[in-house]
C-alpha cells in the first residue's frame, strides 16, 4: 500500500477505534453495539479493493483485539475483519463512483451479519459460547440495524476521503520510479487538462517556428 493510503487508513482506524471504545460501547444499547470500526473498513475497502480491504481489515481487527477492554483471544477480530475487508473489496465499483446507495447498504448489511456469524463461529472453535447466552438471532438483527443506521453518516465520508487521497498529487501514481511534477499534478487534477500533451504541442510549434525562420533567412541570403 502507498504511503498516503497507509497514513489515511491508520488515522481513520485509530479514530474509529477510540470512538468505538469510549462512546459507542458505553451506550448500553440492547443487543449488539454499533460497529464503527467495521464501517470504516468497509468504506476503505470499497475504494482500495480486495487486497487493500484485507490489509486494512487485518490491521484494524488486530488493534481492536489488543485495545482494552478486549476480553477475547488476540487475532480473532483481525481474522474476521480481514475476511470482511477482502469480500467487501470485491464489490468495489469499476470507475470508483457509486451509482446509488443500494449497493453499499447491501454490503453493510451483509458485512454486519457475516462478521457477527464469523466472530461467533471463531469463538465457538476456541470455546467462547457467549453468543449462545445472549441470543445469536438478536445479535444479528441489532448488529445489522445499528450499522445500517450509522452507515450513511460514516461510509460515504470515508470513501470521499479515500478517493481524495488517491488523487493526491504527492502520491506515487506509477510504480515506474519517476518523480511526478507536483505543479502539473495540481493543475491537471483541478482543470482536467493534459499538461504533458500541451507541453509536447508547444515544443512542436516552437520547432516549426524555428524552421520557418531559418528558411526565410536562407532565402534572404540567396537573394
C-alpha atoms as a PDB file:
ATOM      1  CA  UNK A   1       0.000   0.000   0.000  1.00  0.00           C
ATOM      2  CA  UNK A   2       1.183   3.509  -0.768  1.00  0.00           C
ATOM      3  CA  UNK A   3       2.155   5.903   1.983  1.00  0.00           C
ATOM      4  CA  UNK A   4      -0.937   8.117   1.663  1.00  0.00           C
ATOM      5  CA  UNK A   5      -3.170   5.040   1.869  1.00  0.00           C
ATOM      6  CA  UNK A   6      -1.423   3.756   4.960  1.00  0.00           C
ATOM      7  CA  UNK A   7      -1.467   7.138   6.681  1.00  0.00           C
ATOM      8  CA  UNK A   8      -5.153   7.764   5.975  1.00  0.00           C
ATOM      9  CA  UNK A   9      -6.161   4.207   6.888  1.00  0.00           C
ATOM     10  CA  UNK A  10      -4.224   4.264  10.158  1.00  0.00           C
ATOM     11  CA  UNK A  11      -5.693   7.639  11.130  1.00  0.00           C
ATOM     12  CA  UNK A  12      -9.283   6.626  10.362  1.00  0.00           C
ATOM     13  CA  UNK A  13      -8.938   3.250  12.073  1.00  0.00           C
ATOM     14  CA  UNK A  14      -7.480   4.764  15.256  1.00  0.00           C
ATOM     15  CA  UNK A  15     -10.183   7.448  15.411  1.00  0.00           C
ATOM     16  CA  UNK A  16     -12.906   4.862  14.809  1.00  0.00           C
ATOM     17  CA  UNK A  17     -11.492   2.563  17.481  1.00  0.00           C
ATOM     18  CA  UNK A  18     -11.313   5.361  20.054  1.00  0.00           C
ATOM     19  CA  UNK A  19     -14.918   6.362  19.378  1.00  0.00           C
ATOM     20  CA  UNK A  20     -15.969   2.716  19.407  1.00  0.00           C
ATOM     21  CA  UNK A  21     -14.442   2.011  22.797  1.00  0.00           C
ATOM     22  CA  UNK A  22     -15.063   5.308  24.556  1.00  0.00           C
ATOM     23  CA  UNK A  23     -18.522   6.238  23.209  1.00  0.00           C
ATOM     24  CA  UNK A  24     -20.435   3.527  21.379  1.00  0.00           C
ATOM     25  CA  UNK A  25     -19.532   0.732  23.773  1.00  0.00           C
ATOM     26  CA  UNK A  26     -20.875   2.818  26.693  1.00  0.00           C
ATOM     27  CA  UNK A  27     -24.327   3.414  25.214  1.00  0.00           C
ATOM     28  CA  UNK A  28     -25.636   0.102  26.599  1.00  0.00           C
ATOM     29  CA  UNK A  29     -27.973  -0.441  23.661  1.00  0.00           C
ATOM     30  CA  UNK A  30     -29.984  -3.680  23.555  1.00  0.00           C
ATOM     31  CA  UNK A  31     -28.268  -6.442  21.632  1.00  0.00           C
ATOM     32  CA  UNK A  32     -25.147  -5.629  19.673  1.00  0.00           C
ATOM     33  CA  UNK A  33     -23.002  -2.489  19.632  1.00  0.00           C
ATOM     34  CA  UNK A  34     -22.779  -0.249  16.538  1.00  0.00           C
ATOM     35  CA  UNK A  35     -19.538  -1.274  14.857  1.00  0.00           C
ATOM     36  CA  UNK A  36     -17.857   1.914  13.661  1.00  0.00           C
ATOM     37  CA  UNK A  37     -14.622   0.041  13.031  1.00  0.00           C
ATOM     38  CA  UNK A  38     -16.383  -2.332  10.641  1.00  0.00           C
ATOM     39  CA  UNK A  39     -17.932   0.575   8.726  1.00  0.00           C
ATOM     40  CA  UNK A  40     -14.512   2.218   8.439  1.00  0.00           C
ATOM     41  CA  UNK A  41     -13.031  -0.935   6.941  1.00  0.00           C
ATOM     42  CA  UNK A  42     -15.964  -1.219   4.526  1.00  0.00           C
ATOM     43  CA  UNK A  43     -15.582   2.376   3.327  1.00  0.00           C
ATOM     44  CA  UNK A  44     -11.865   1.922   2.673  1.00  0.00           C
ATOM     45  CA  UNK A  45     -12.335  -1.488   1.040  1.00  0.00           C
ATOM     46  CA  UNK A  46     -14.888  -0.073  -1.423  1.00  0.00           C
ATOM     47  CA  UNK A  47     -12.188   2.329  -2.655  1.00  0.00           C
ATOM     48  CA  UNK A  48      -8.969   0.313  -2.262  1.00  0.00           C
ATOM     49  CA  UNK A  49     -10.271  -3.044  -3.477  1.00  0.00           C
ATOM     50  CA  UNK A  50      -9.997  -6.539  -2.022  1.00  0.00           C
ATOM     51  CA  UNK A  51      -6.244  -6.523  -1.290  1.00  0.00           C
ATOM     52  CA  UNK A  52      -6.306  -3.132   0.414  1.00  0.00           C
ATOM     53  CA  UNK A  53      -9.516  -4.045   2.218  1.00  0.00           C
ATOM     54  CA  UNK A  54      -7.975  -7.235   3.581  1.00  0.00           C
ATOM     55  CA  UNK A  55      -4.863  -5.412   4.818  1.00  0.00           C
ATOM     56  CA  UNK A  56      -6.847  -2.606   6.421  1.00  0.00           C
ATOM     57  CA  UNK A  57      -9.252  -5.100   7.966  1.00  0.00           C
ATOM     58  CA  UNK A  58      -6.464  -7.176   9.461  1.00  0.00           C
ATOM     59  CA  UNK A  59      -4.729  -4.150  10.956  1.00  0.00           C
ATOM     60  CA  UNK A  60      -7.970  -2.701  12.341  1.00  0.00           C
ATOM     61  CA  UNK A  61      -9.026  -6.024  13.809  1.00  0.00           C
ATOM     62  CA  UNK A  62      -5.643  -6.573  15.427  1.00  0.00           C
ATOM     63  CA  UNK A  63      -5.818  -3.166  17.086  1.00  0.00           C
ATOM     64  CA  UNK A  64      -9.309  -3.990  18.361  1.00  0.00           C
ATOM     65  CA  UNK A  65      -8.027  -7.316  19.709  1.00  0.00           C
ATOM     66  CA  UNK A  66      -5.266  -5.593  21.672  1.00  0.00           C
ATOM     67  CA  UNK A  67      -7.138  -2.482  22.806  1.00  0.00           C
ATOM     68  CA  UNK A  68      -8.726  -2.609  26.268  1.00  0.00           C
ATOM     69  CA  UNK A  69     -11.227  -3.757  27.396  1.00  0.00           C
ATOM     70  CA  UNK A  70     -10.896  -6.627  24.877  1.00  0.00           C
ATOM     71  CA  UNK A  71     -11.678  -9.956  26.567  1.00  0.00           C
ATOM     72  CA  UNK A  72     -11.191 -12.360  23.672  1.00  0.00           C
ATOM     73  CA  UNK A  73      -8.231 -14.128  22.083  1.00  0.00           C
ATOM     74  CA  UNK A  74      -5.893 -11.875  20.112  1.00  0.00           C
ATOM     75  CA  UNK A  75      -6.292 -12.317  16.375  1.00  0.00           C
ATOM     76  CA  UNK A  76      -9.958 -13.276  16.498  1.00  0.00           C
ATOM     77  CA  UNK A  77     -11.382  -9.985  15.286  1.00  0.00           C
ATOM     78  CA  UNK A  78      -8.385  -9.478  12.996  1.00  0.00           C
ATOM     79  CA  UNK A  79      -9.375 -12.637  11.125  1.00  0.00           C
ATOM     80  CA  UNK A  80     -13.000 -11.503  10.918  1.00  0.00           C
ATOM     81  CA  UNK A  81     -12.245  -8.033   9.565  1.00  0.00           C
ATOM     82  CA  UNK A  82      -9.587  -9.369   7.196  1.00  0.00           C
ATOM     83  CA  UNK A  83     -12.152 -11.664   5.558  1.00  0.00           C
ATOM     84  CA  UNK A  84     -14.859  -8.988   5.563  1.00  0.00           C
ATOM     85  CA  UNK A  85     -12.494  -6.379   4.087  1.00  0.00           C
ATOM     86  CA  UNK A  86     -11.453  -8.778   1.321  1.00  0.00           C
ATOM     87  CA  UNK A  87     -15.037  -9.657   0.396  1.00  0.00           C
ATOM     88  CA  UNK A  88     -16.201  -6.036   0.554  1.00  0.00           C
ATOM     89  CA  UNK A  89     -13.322  -5.007  -1.701  1.00  0.00           C
ATOM     90  CA  UNK A  90     -14.658  -7.338  -4.381  1.00  0.00           C
ATOM     91  CA  UNK A  91     -17.706  -5.046  -4.598  1.00  0.00           C
ATOM     92  CA  UNK A  92     -15.543  -2.034  -5.464  1.00  0.00           C
ATOM     93  CA  UNK A  93     -17.109  -0.139  -8.392  1.00  0.00           C
ATOM     94  CA  UNK A  94     -15.040  -0.242 -11.576  1.00  0.00           C
ATOM     95  CA  UNK A  95     -14.989   3.512 -12.118  1.00  0.00           C
ATOM     96  CA  UNK A  96     -14.655   4.324  -8.411  1.00  0.00           C
ATOM     97  CA  UNK A  97     -18.018   6.098  -8.364  1.00  0.00           C
ATOM     98  CA  UNK A  98     -21.215   4.745  -6.824  1.00  0.00           C
ATOM     99  CA  UNK A  99     -24.360   4.974  -8.930  1.00  0.00           C
ATOM    100  CA  UNK A 100     -26.726   4.514  -5.983  1.00  0.00           C
ATOM    101  CA  UNK A 101     -26.740   3.846  -2.260  1.00  0.00           C
ATOM    102  CA  UNK A 102     -28.377   0.437  -2.647  1.00  0.00           C
ATOM    103  CA  UNK A 103     -25.127  -1.419  -3.250  1.00  0.00           C
ATOM    104  CA  UNK A 104     -23.200  -0.025  -0.274  1.00  0.00           C
ATOM    105  CA  UNK A 105     -26.187  -0.504   2.047  1.00  0.00           C
ATOM    106  CA  UNK A 106     -26.440  -4.140   0.954  1.00  0.00           C
ATOM    107  CA  UNK A 107     -22.717  -4.521   1.606  1.00  0.00           C
ATOM    108  CA  UNK A 108     -23.156  -3.042   5.090  1.00  0.00           C
ATOM    109  CA  UNK A 109     -25.993  -5.418   5.989  1.00  0.00           C
ATOM    110  CA  UNK A 110     -24.140  -8.448   4.617  1.00  0.00           C
ATOM    111  CA  UNK A 111     -20.933  -7.425   6.400  1.00  0.00           C
ATOM    112  CA  UNK A 112     -22.715  -6.862   9.718  1.00  0.00           C
ATOM    113  CA  UNK A 113     -24.404 -10.260   9.600  1.00  0.00           C
ATOM    114  CA  UNK A 114     -21.333 -12.003   8.209  1.00  0.00           C
ATOM    115  CA  UNK A 115     -18.947 -10.512  10.768  1.00  0.00           C
ATOM    116  CA  UNK A 116     -21.268 -11.449  13.642  1.00  0.00           C
ATOM    117  CA  UNK A 117     -21.620 -15.030  12.395  1.00  0.00           C
ATOM    118  CA  UNK A 118     -17.894 -15.358  11.710  1.00  0.00           C
ATOM    119  CA  UNK A 119     -16.973 -13.891  15.092  1.00  0.00           C
ATOM    120  CA  UNK A 120     -19.366 -16.282  16.850  1.00  0.00           C
ATOM    121  CA  UNK A 121     -18.078 -19.212  14.778  1.00  0.00           C
ATOM    122  CA  UNK A 122     -14.446 -18.493  15.601  1.00  0.00           C
ATOM    123  CA  UNK A 123     -15.440 -18.052  19.248  1.00  0.00           C
ATOM    124  CA  UNK A 124     -17.131 -21.469  19.246  1.00  0.00           C
ATOM    125  CA  UNK A 125     -13.916 -23.012  17.952  1.00  0.00           C
ATOM    126  CA  UNK A 126     -11.910 -21.541  20.832  1.00  0.00           C
ATOM    127  CA  UNK A 127     -14.553 -22.303  23.464  1.00  0.00           C
ATOM    128  CA  UNK A 128     -16.260 -18.912  23.718  1.00  0.00           C
ATOM    129  CA  UNK A 129     -20.021 -19.519  23.871  1.00  0.00           C
ATOM    130  CA  UNK A 130     -21.124 -16.015  24.891  1.00  0.00           C
ATOM    131  CA  UNK A 131     -23.172 -15.605  21.713  1.00  0.00           C
ATOM    132  CA  UNK A 132     -25.374 -18.550  22.702  1.00  0.00           C
ATOM    133  CA  UNK A 133     -26.273 -16.989  26.027  1.00  0.00           C
ATOM    134  CA  UNK A 134     -27.022 -13.563  24.567  1.00  0.00           C
ATOM    135  CA  UNK A 135     -29.014 -14.936  21.632  1.00  0.00           C
ATOM    136  CA  UNK A 136     -27.494 -15.099  18.159  1.00  0.00           C
ATOM    137  CA  UNK A 137     -30.701 -14.068  16.406  1.00  0.00           C
ATOM    138  CA  UNK A 138     -30.993 -10.872  18.419  1.00  0.00           C
ATOM    139  CA  UNK A 139     -27.335 -10.062  17.846  1.00  0.00           C
ATOM    140  CA  UNK A 140     -27.687 -10.469  14.082  1.00  0.00           C
ATOM    141  CA  UNK A 141     -30.767  -8.250  13.905  1.00  0.00           C
ATOM    142  CA  UNK A 142     -29.455  -5.457  16.126  1.00  0.00           C
ATOM    143  CA  UNK A 143     -25.989  -5.506  14.530  1.00  0.00           C
ATOM    144  CA  UNK A 144     -27.463  -5.103  11.043  1.00  0.00           C
ATOM    145  CA  UNK A 145     -29.919  -2.436  12.245  1.00  0.00           C
ATOM    146  CA  UNK A 146     -27.380  -0.300  14.132  1.00  0.00           C
ATOM    147  CA  UNK A 147     -24.756  -0.487  11.388  1.00  0.00           C
ATOM    148  CA  UNK A 148     -27.338   0.304   8.712  1.00  0.00           C
ATOM    149  CA  UNK A 149     -28.481   3.395  10.615  1.00  0.00           C
ATOM    150  CA  UNK A 150     -24.912   4.560  11.207  1.00  0.00           C
ATOM    151  CA  UNK A 151     -23.586   3.770   7.717  1.00  0.00           C
ATOM    152  CA  UNK A 152     -24.969   6.837   5.834  1.00  0.00           C
ATOM    153  CA  UNK A 153     -23.057   9.104   8.214  1.00  0.00           C
ATOM    154  CA  UNK A 154     -19.781   7.178   8.005  1.00  0.00           C
ATOM    155  CA  UNK A 155     -19.232   5.198   4.785  1.00  0.00           C
ATOM    156  CA  UNK A 156     -19.736   7.993   2.194  1.00  0.00           C
ATOM    157  CA  UNK A 157     -17.400  10.346   4.071  1.00  0.00           C
ATOM    158  CA  UNK A 158     -14.690   7.715   4.391  1.00  0.00           C
ATOM    159  CA  UNK A 159     -14.977   6.822   0.704  1.00  0.00           C
ATOM    160  CA  UNK A 160     -14.701  10.507  -0.240  1.00  0.00           C
ATOM    161  CA  UNK A 161     -11.559  10.924   1.888  1.00  0.00           C
ATOM    162  CA  UNK A 162     -10.022   7.778   0.407  1.00  0.00           C
ATOM    163  CA  UNK A 163     -10.741   8.890  -3.175  1.00  0.00           C
ATOM    164  CA  UNK A 164      -9.320  12.330  -2.446  1.00  0.00           C
ATOM    165  CA  UNK A 165      -6.150  10.760  -1.049  1.00  0.00           C
ATOM    166  CA  UNK A 166      -5.904   8.592  -4.173  1.00  0.00           C
ATOM    167  CA  UNK A 167      -5.852  11.780  -6.278  1.00  0.00           C
ATOM    168  CA  UNK A 168      -3.144  13.375  -4.119  1.00  0.00           C
ATOM    169  CA  UNK A 169      -0.509  14.816  -6.494  1.00  0.00           C
ATOM    170  CA  UNK A 170       2.209  13.926  -3.992  1.00  0.00           C
ATOM    171  CA  UNK A 171       1.309  10.227  -4.224  1.00  0.00           C
ATOM    172  CA  UNK A 172       3.238   7.716  -6.328  1.00  0.00           C
ATOM    173  CA  UNK A 173       0.906   7.072  -9.258  1.00  0.00           C
ATOM    174  CA  UNK A 174       3.056   4.886 -11.413  1.00  0.00           C
ATOM    175  CA  UNK A 175       5.450   2.364  -9.989  1.00  0.00           C
ATOM    176  CA  UNK A 176       7.977   3.374 -12.652  1.00  0.00           C
ATOM    177  CA  UNK A 177      10.067   5.178 -10.017  1.00  0.00           C
ATOM    178  CA  UNK A 178       9.939   8.549 -11.838  1.00  0.00           C
ATOM    179  CA  UNK A 179       9.169  11.655  -9.833  1.00  0.00           C
ATOM    180  CA  UNK A 180       5.981  13.499 -10.794  1.00  0.00           C
ATOM    181  CA  UNK A 181       5.608  17.203 -11.457  1.00  0.00           C
ATOM    182  CA  UNK A 182       3.652  18.457  -8.442  1.00  0.00           C
ATOM    183  CA  UNK A 183       2.557  21.725 -10.031  1.00  0.00           C
ATOM    184  CA  UNK A 184       1.369  19.928 -13.159  1.00  0.00           C
ATOM    185  CA  UNK A 185      -0.454  17.416 -10.990  1.00  0.00           C
ATOM    186  CA  UNK A 186      -2.350  20.138  -9.157  1.00  0.00           C
ATOM    187  CA  UNK A 187      -3.303  21.927 -12.383  1.00  0.00           C
ATOM    188  CA  UNK A 188      -4.327  18.774 -14.218  1.00  0.00           C
ATOM    189  CA  UNK A 189      -6.348  17.457 -11.276  1.00  0.00           C
ATOM    190  CA  UNK A 190      -8.144  20.769 -10.919  1.00  0.00           C
ATOM    191  CA  UNK A 191      -8.830  21.513 -14.606  1.00  0.00           C
ATOM    192  CA  UNK A 192      -8.792  18.114 -16.277  1.00  0.00           C
ATOM    193  CA  UNK A 193      -6.180  19.315 -18.843  1.00  0.00           C
ATOM    194  CA  UNK A 194      -3.376  17.065 -20.052  1.00  0.00           C
ATOM    195  CA  UNK A 195      -0.311  19.096 -19.172  1.00  0.00           C
ATOM    196  CA  UNK A 196       2.154  16.677 -20.780  1.00  0.00           C
ATOM    197  CA  UNK A 197       0.440  16.787 -24.165  1.00  0.00           C
ATOM    198  CA  UNK A 198       0.229  20.582 -24.016  1.00  0.00           C
ATOM    199  CA  UNK A 199       3.957  20.835 -23.372  1.00  0.00           C
ATOM    200  CA  UNK A 200       4.674  18.474 -26.257  1.00  0.00           C
ATOM    201  CA  UNK A 201       2.475  20.559 -28.573  1.00  0.00           C
ATOM    202  CA  UNK A 202       4.253  23.750 -27.548  1.00  0.00           C
ATOM    203  CA  UNK A 203       7.628  22.164 -28.256  1.00  0.00           C
ATOM    204  CA  UNK A 204       6.489  21.092 -31.742  1.00  0.00           C
ATOM    205  CA  UNK A 205       5.129  24.577 -32.514  1.00  0.00           C
ATOM    206  CA  UNK A 206       8.385  26.179 -31.343  1.00  0.00           C
ATOM    207  CA  UNK A 207      10.434  23.815 -33.516  1.00  0.00           C
ATOM    208  CA  UNK A 208       8.282  24.583 -36.571  1.00  0.00           C
ATOM    209  CA  UNK A 209       8.658  28.323 -35.951  1.00  0.00           C
ATOM    210  CA  UNK A 210      12.453  27.992 -35.771  1.00  0.00           C
ATOM    211  CA  UNK A 211      12.498  26.011 -39.028  1.00  0.00           C
ATOM    212  CA  UNK A 212      10.342  28.633 -40.742  1.00  0.00           C
ATOM    213  CA  UNK A 213      12.642  31.447 -39.578  1.00  0.00           C
ATOM    214  CA  UNK A 214      15.688  29.507 -40.770  1.00  0.00           C
ATOM    215  CA  UNK A 215      14.084  29.015 -44.198  1.00  0.00           C
ATOM    216  CA  UNK A 216      13.329  32.708 -44.514  1.00  0.00           C
ATOM    217  CA  UNK A 217      16.875  33.678 -43.512  1.00  0.00           C
ATOM    218  CA  UNK A 218      18.375  31.264 -46.080  1.00  0.00           C
ATOM    219  CA  UNK A 219      16.105  32.710 -48.762  1.00  0.00           C
ATOM    220  CA  UNK A 220      17.304  36.220 -47.992  1.00  0.00           C
ATOM    221  CA  UNK A 221      20.948  35.168 -48.175  1.00  0.00           C
ATOM    222  CA  UNK A 222      20.427  33.533 -51.555  1.00  0.00           C
ATOM    223  CA  UNK A 223      18.971  36.756 -52.913  1.00  0.00           C
END
